[in-house]
Amino acid sequence: GTWTLNGQKVWTTNAQFASYGLILARTNPDLPKHKGMTMFIVPMDAKGVTVRGLRQISGEAEFNEVFFDDVVIDGDSVVGGEENGWGVGLTTLMFERLTIGLGSSSFGYRATRFAEAIIADPTASVDHEVRHNFGELAAELEAIRWTGYRSISALQDGQIPGPEFGLAKVTTVNCAVRAGDLIADIVGPEALDESSEWSYMISFLPGLKSAGGTEEILRNTIGERVLGLPPEPRLDKGIPFSELRSKEKEGAAA
C-alpha cells in the first residue's frame, strides 16, 4: 500500500541539501497525542515536497520550512512500525542533543580559544569581572568534556541516550552564548564584522538554542525525568488527539 502525507514542518536544518528526510506524522487521530504517530523516510525530491529557506541573522539559511502537499510514499517507508513513531522520534532527538552537547570543541566553543581573545586585550586580561566570568564558563565547558567521556562509554555499552543528555546540549549552547557576549564586550562592534572570527558564532547561536528541542522543553524534561521534580499539569493527558480542540474550547468556556 501507500501513504499520502499533508502538512508542514518548520526549523528543518539543511533540508535543501538532504536526499531523504524523516517525518513524524499523525496517522491515528483517535489516540492520545504521543500515540498514533508514525515515522516515515521521505525522498526530498518526491512530488509535493517544497523546501523554503529561512534567512537567519548570520545571513545564511540553514533552517527551512518544508511543505508536504499530497506526497505519496510507499508502505515500506515506515520506520519502527506503524503508530510507533514517538519512540523513534525520541531516539533521534536524543542523539541530536548528544551531538550538539558533546560537540562543543568541534564547533569551536573551546575555553582556550576564548582565553586567547581575552589575553589579546591588556585591559580585559586583568579585569576581575572578565576573569571571573571566563572562569565560570571554562569550568562548565570542562565539565561537559568529561560528561562526554562518560556518555561515550555508555554508548559503547549499548545504551541509548536518555533525557539526561539534554543537559549537555543546554549547557554547551548557554556557555557559548555567554562566551560570545563576553567576546563582544571586549572586542566591541568589530566582533560582528564579516571579517571577524566571532561574527558567525555570535549570530548563529540564537538559532542553535532551538535545535534538538527548545531550551524550555529540555529544562522541563531534565527537571521531570532526571531530577524527579513534579511535572507540569497536563490537561490533555490521555485525551484522543481528535478531541483536543473541543476540550480546549470547553476549558476556555469554563
Protein backbone atom coordinates (compact mmCIF):
# COMPACT_ATOMS: atom_id res chain seq x y z
CA GLY A 1 0.00 0.00 0.00
CA THR A 2 0.90 3.67 0.03
CA TRP A 3 0.62 6.68 2.35
CA THR A 4 -0.31 10.25 1.45
CA LEU A 5 1.31 13.00 3.51
CA ASN A 6 -0.04 16.51 4.01
CA GLY A 7 1.35 19.10 6.41
CA GLN A 8 4.20 21.43 7.22
CA LYS A 9 7.42 21.25 9.26
CA VAL A 10 9.48 24.26 10.33
CA TRP A 11 13.14 24.50 11.51
CA THR A 12 14.42 21.62 9.39
CA THR A 13 18.20 22.02 9.28
CA ASN A 14 19.90 21.65 5.87
CA ALA A 15 16.74 20.29 4.23
CA GLN A 16 17.85 21.96 0.99
CA PHE A 17 20.82 19.56 0.81
CA ALA A 18 19.14 16.36 2.02
CA SER A 19 18.27 13.44 -0.25
CA TYR A 20 15.93 11.94 2.34
CA GLY A 21 14.10 13.23 5.39
CA LEU A 22 12.48 11.73 8.46
CA ILE A 23 8.92 12.85 9.10
CA LEU A 24 6.84 12.10 12.19
CA ALA A 25 3.22 12.14 11.07
CA ARG A 26 -0.13 11.73 12.79
CA THR A 27 -1.66 8.53 11.39
CA ASN A 28 -4.34 7.81 14.01
CA PRO A 29 -6.15 10.87 15.40
CA ASP A 30 -8.25 8.76 17.77
CA LEU A 31 -5.30 8.04 20.08
CA PRO A 32 -3.69 10.44 22.63
CA LYS A 33 -1.07 12.85 21.29
CA HIS A 34 2.04 10.73 21.99
CA LYS A 35 0.44 7.71 20.36
CA GLY A 36 -0.98 7.24 16.90
CA MET A 37 2.10 8.68 15.17
CA THR A 38 4.29 7.01 12.57
CA MET A 39 7.80 7.82 11.37
CA PHE A 40 8.49 7.79 7.62
CA ILE A 41 11.52 8.14 5.36
CA VAL A 42 10.62 10.59 2.61
CA PRO A 43 12.62 11.31 -0.58
CA MET A 44 13.13 15.08 -0.59
CA ASP A 45 12.69 15.18 -4.36
CA ALA A 46 9.27 13.49 -4.17
CA LYS A 47 6.39 15.25 -5.90
CA GLY A 48 4.65 17.62 -3.49
CA VAL A 49 7.68 18.31 -1.25
CA THR A 50 8.62 22.01 -1.13
CA VAL A 51 11.59 23.40 0.80
CA ARG A 52 11.65 27.09 1.71
CA GLY A 53 14.73 28.58 3.39
CA LEU A 54 14.54 30.78 6.49
CA ARG A 55 17.13 33.56 6.46
CA GLN A 56 18.98 33.89 9.78
CA ILE A 57 20.72 36.87 11.32
CA SER A 58 24.02 35.24 10.29
CA GLY A 59 22.98 35.78 6.66
CA GLU A 60 22.68 32.06 5.96
CA ALA A 61 19.57 29.92 5.56
CA GLU A 62 20.41 26.67 7.34
CA PHE A 63 16.89 26.25 8.71
CA ASN A 64 13.93 25.60 6.45
CA GLU A 65 10.20 25.20 6.24
CA VAL A 66 9.19 22.00 4.47
CA PHE A 67 5.71 21.61 2.96
CA PHE A 68 4.07 18.29 2.09
CA ASP A 69 1.17 18.52 -0.36
CA ASP A 70 -0.36 15.14 -1.24
CA VAL A 71 3.04 13.45 -1.10
CA VAL A 72 2.60 9.76 -1.92
CA ILE A 73 5.16 7.35 -0.43
CA ASP A 74 5.44 3.56 -0.38
CA GLY A 75 4.29 1.48 2.56
CA ASP A 76 7.83 0.27 3.19
CA SER A 77 8.86 3.85 4.06
CA VAL A 78 7.66 3.31 7.65
CA VAL A 79 10.43 3.34 10.29
CA GLY A 80 9.92 1.41 13.52
CA GLY A 81 6.42 0.19 12.79
CA GLU A 82 3.07 1.88 12.33
CA GLU A 83 1.97 4.07 15.27
CA ASN A 84 5.34 3.61 17.00
CA GLY A 85 6.72 6.90 15.72
CA TRP A 86 7.03 8.71 19.05
CA GLY A 87 9.64 6.28 20.35
CA VAL A 88 11.62 6.54 17.10
CA GLY A 89 11.39 10.33 17.22
CA LEU A 90 12.63 10.48 20.81
CA THR A 91 15.63 8.31 19.95
CA THR A 92 16.66 10.55 17.05
CA LEU A 93 16.20 13.66 19.21
CA MET A 94 18.36 12.21 21.99
CA PHE A 95 21.20 11.53 19.57
CA GLU A 96 20.87 15.04 18.11
CA ARG A 97 21.04 16.61 21.58
CA LEU A 98 24.00 14.40 22.44
CA THR A 99 25.83 15.50 19.28
CA ILE A 100 25.25 19.20 19.97
CA GLY A 101 26.05 18.90 23.65
CA LEU A 102 29.28 16.99 23.20
CA GLY A 103 30.39 18.76 20.03
CA SER A 104 31.47 21.99 21.71
CA SER A 105 35.12 21.55 20.74
CA SER A 106 34.40 20.80 17.08
CA PHE A 107 32.04 23.78 16.96
CA GLY A 108 34.89 25.99 18.15
CA TYR A 109 33.46 26.51 21.64
CA ARG A 110 36.78 25.94 23.41
CA ALA A 111 37.96 27.69 26.55
CA THR A 112 41.49 28.05 25.12
CA ARG A 113 40.14 29.88 22.07
CA PHE A 114 38.13 32.29 24.22
CA ALA A 115 41.13 32.80 26.51
CA GLU A 116 43.30 33.89 23.58
CA ALA A 117 40.84 36.67 22.75
CA ILE A 118 40.86 37.86 26.35
CA ILE A 119 44.65 37.75 26.67
CA ALA A 120 44.97 39.81 23.49
CA ASP A 121 43.30 42.72 25.28
CA PRO A 122 45.59 44.08 28.04
CA THR A 123 42.70 45.70 29.90
CA ALA A 124 40.34 42.73 29.74
CA SER A 125 43.02 40.24 30.75
CA VAL A 126 43.41 41.87 34.17
CA ASP A 127 39.76 42.75 34.70
CA HIS A 128 38.46 40.75 37.68
CA GLU A 129 34.90 40.50 36.38
CA VAL A 130 36.06 39.29 32.96
CA ARG A 131 38.34 36.70 34.56
CA HIS A 132 35.55 35.54 36.87
CA ASN A 133 33.03 35.16 34.03
CA PHE A 134 35.57 33.35 31.88
CA GLY A 135 36.48 31.02 34.74
CA GLU A 136 32.85 30.00 35.19
CA LEU A 137 32.22 29.16 31.55
CA ALA A 138 35.61 27.44 31.20
CA ALA A 139 34.76 25.20 34.16
CA GLU A 140 31.39 24.31 32.63
CA LEU A 141 32.98 23.51 29.26
CA GLU A 142 35.48 21.25 31.04
CA ALA A 143 32.63 19.52 32.87
CA ILE A 144 30.89 18.93 29.54
CA ARG A 145 34.07 17.36 28.15
CA TRP A 146 34.22 14.82 30.98
CA THR A 147 30.49 14.22 30.74
CA GLY A 148 31.13 13.43 27.09
CA TYR A 149 33.60 10.70 28.00
CA ARG A 150 31.00 9.14 30.30
CA SER A 151 28.38 9.36 27.56
CA ILE A 152 30.64 7.71 25.00
CA SER A 153 31.32 4.88 27.45
CA ALA A 154 27.56 4.41 27.89
CA LEU A 155 27.07 4.26 24.12
CA GLN A 156 29.85 1.68 23.83
CA ASP A 157 27.93 -0.43 26.34
CA GLY A 158 24.89 -0.32 24.07
CA GLN A 159 22.87 2.28 25.96
CA ILE A 160 20.55 4.68 24.12
CA PRO A 161 20.96 8.37 25.10
CA GLY A 162 18.40 9.32 27.74
CA PRO A 163 16.90 12.65 28.84
CA GLU A 164 19.98 13.45 30.93
CA PHE A 165 21.94 14.06 27.74
CA GLY A 166 19.79 17.12 27.07
CA LEU A 167 21.67 18.81 29.92
CA ALA A 168 24.89 18.79 27.87
CA LYS A 169 23.10 20.49 24.99
CA VAL A 170 21.63 23.22 27.22
CA THR A 171 24.96 23.82 28.98
CA THR A 172 27.04 23.87 25.79
CA VAL A 173 24.84 26.38 24.00
CA ASN A 174 24.49 28.67 27.01
CA CYS A 175 28.25 28.61 27.63
CA ALA A 176 28.86 29.55 24.01
CA VAL A 177 26.28 32.36 24.18
CA ARG A 178 27.91 33.75 27.33
CA ALA A 179 31.34 33.47 25.72
CA GLY A 180 30.07 35.34 22.66
CA ASP A 181 28.66 38.09 24.87
CA LEU A 182 31.96 38.31 26.73
CA ILE A 183 33.96 38.50 23.50
CA ALA A 184 31.61 41.16 22.11
CA ASP A 185 32.08 43.25 25.27
CA ILE A 186 35.85 43.03 24.87
CA VAL A 187 36.22 43.38 21.11
CA GLY A 188 33.32 45.78 20.62
CA PRO A 189 31.23 46.21 17.44
CA GLU A 190 34.09 44.76 15.38
CA ALA A 191 33.12 41.33 16.74
CA LEU A 192 30.15 41.33 14.36
CA ASP A 193 32.12 42.49 11.34
CA GLU A 194 32.10 39.96 8.50
CA SER A 195 35.88 39.64 8.72
CA SER A 196 35.76 38.77 12.44
CA GLU A 197 36.24 35.16 13.51
CA TRP A 198 33.47 35.71 16.08
CA SER A 199 30.79 37.08 13.77
CA TYR A 200 29.30 33.76 12.70
CA MET A 201 29.36 32.22 16.18
CA ILE A 202 27.62 35.17 17.83
CA SER A 203 24.91 35.44 15.17
CA PHE A 204 24.39 31.67 14.78
CA LEU A 205 23.99 30.70 18.42
CA PRO A 206 20.45 32.06 19.00
CA GLY A 207 19.20 29.58 16.39
CA LEU A 208 21.11 26.71 17.98
CA LYS A 209 19.02 27.15 21.13
CA SER A 210 16.09 25.62 19.22
CA ALA A 211 17.98 22.69 17.69
CA GLY A 212 17.03 19.31 19.13
CA GLY A 213 14.17 20.88 21.08
CA THR A 214 13.90 24.31 22.65
CA GLU A 215 15.66 25.05 25.91
CA GLU A 216 12.33 25.35 27.73
CA ILE A 217 11.32 21.84 26.66
CA LEU A 218 14.71 20.42 27.61
CA ARG A 219 14.66 22.06 31.04
CA ASN A 220 11.21 20.59 31.69
CA THR A 221 12.41 17.15 30.58
CA ILE A 222 15.53 17.32 32.75
CA GLY A 223 13.53 18.54 35.75
CA GLU A 224 10.84 15.88 35.49
CA ARG A 225 12.70 12.83 34.17
CA VAL A 226 16.19 13.32 35.59
CA LEU A 227 15.69 15.29 38.82
CA GLY A 228 12.27 13.83 39.60
CA LEU A 229 10.55 17.19 40.07
CA PRO A 230 6.73 17.36 39.92
CA PRO A 231 5.51 17.51 36.30
CA GLU A 232 3.59 20.41 34.88
CA PRO A 233 -0.22 19.97 34.85
CA ARG A 234 -1.27 18.32 31.58
CA LEU A 235 -4.93 18.76 30.77
CA ASP A 236 -4.53 16.85 27.50
CA LYS A 237 -3.15 13.65 29.01
CA GLY A 238 -4.97 10.56 27.77
CA ILE A 239 -7.34 12.54 25.54
CA PRO A 240 -7.59 11.43 21.88
CA PHE A 241 -5.83 13.88 19.58
CA SER A 242 -9.02 14.41 17.57
CA GLU A 243 -10.79 15.71 20.70
CA LEU A 244 -8.13 18.17 21.88
CA ARG A 245 -9.61 21.22 20.16
CA SER A 246 -13.07 20.64 21.61
CA LYS A 247 -11.61 20.02 25.09
CA GLU A 248 -9.62 23.26 24.84
CA LYS A 249 -12.78 25.17 23.94
CA GLU A 250 -14.64 23.58 26.84
CA GLY A 251 -11.84 24.57 29.21
CA ALA A 252 -11.81 28.14 27.90
CA ALA A 253 -15.58 28.42 28.26
CA ALA A 254 -15.45 27.15 31.84
